Amino acid sequence: MRRCLTASIVGAAFMLIGAVPFSSVESNRIWFAPGPGTVDYLDLFERPDEWAHARQIVDVFKFYQQHTQLPAPSIVGANSFDALARAGAFQALTKWGKKIAIEAGSVKEFYCTPDASGMNASIASTVASLQAVQGAGGTVAYVAMDDPFAAGRAPVCGGPALEPTADRIAIYVRGVHSVFPNVKIGLIDAYPTSSEADFETILNLLAARGVPPAFVHADVDTRGLRAGRDDFTRDMRALRQACVARNIAFGIIIWGYNGDSDVLYAFDADKVVQEIAQAFAGWDDMPDQLIFQSWAVSSTGLLITPSNLPEDHPYTHTNLLWEVYRRLRGQTGPVTGTAIRR
């Protein structure tokens, strides 16, 4: 999956894959969210030829909200909003025909105040991020709420009950839409922290409040799967069906846990890919969206893993994206074993 490909092999494979038309639901199928502090983040926009193939299959590029904030939070390193604007990042994505997403903290413990001030601050922060991107020549198409129900389980937020978080999300969505009515707001939630049944309860709660999410992205941690309760294939297929029934796009985040090296990150990410390949028999059976995203933290506290470029170098994030896409795109039936790696 992660071996270096020659230019001829990559080019031939891309022409073959590109010849197969996508359905309308796949128009935003591949999302890419590099590690926020990666040292070559700006190079994605300044050296686009180094990920020409991976870039062509990416539909949505997702920034962390911290990338839009001033002064720049430490987790983005040198990838501040000013640096991104100077690199022409937002304009480049528009030129390339890529949609822009922001991952934002809608419900967090510090927003769970007894009065309206907390949610007012949450709304204002997201609106400011969208306005910043707009001012730099881009348009945010999607806001992905960062695990609001995980944060909402804290007692200060009224947890572990789910209803208070659903109430706050309703306030948040209406507040953001009052300024940016066209942005689509979706939900990230942690699995198996939230069971499949929890996900369905969450969807019902949000629907009852008139704020169904535009998409649901499962933040999967395979290390947390518990025998006798959790079954990835069963739960992800059931959740996908629950989203289909509600006309909501369903996606799974592909990520690695270890931030100490690109190799270790890719090894972990492959575990998620193996689970996806086992659960969904072929490309047409895959989730609506696959999100290649990193927030891996190194033992020194940095969010710099994995390196992004170049796409033909083993273990980089764009190489991982390209190779996993090719693997899942070419899958025509249930997984029967593990391929020999070179």
Foldseek 3Di string as FASTA:
>chain_A
DFAFDDPVVLVVLLVVLVVDDDDPLQLQAEEEEAQLQAPCPLVCLVVVVLLVSLVLSHAEYEYELLQQDPPRDPQNPPSHVVSCLVSLVQVVCVVSNHAYEYEAAQAALQLLDPDNVSNVVRLVSVLSSQVSSVVSNHGHQEYEHDANLVRCQDVSQVHPDRLSSLVSVLVNVVSNCVPVVRHFYAYEHEPPVPFLVNVLVSQVSNVVSVHHHQAYEYAYDVVPDDPPGDDLLVSLLVSLVSCVVVVHAYEYEQWAAEQAELVNGLVRSVVVLLSQLQNAQAPVRHGSHYYHHFNHAYPVGHRRPDAAGRLSHGSHSSVSSSVSCSVRNPGHGHDDDDDDDD
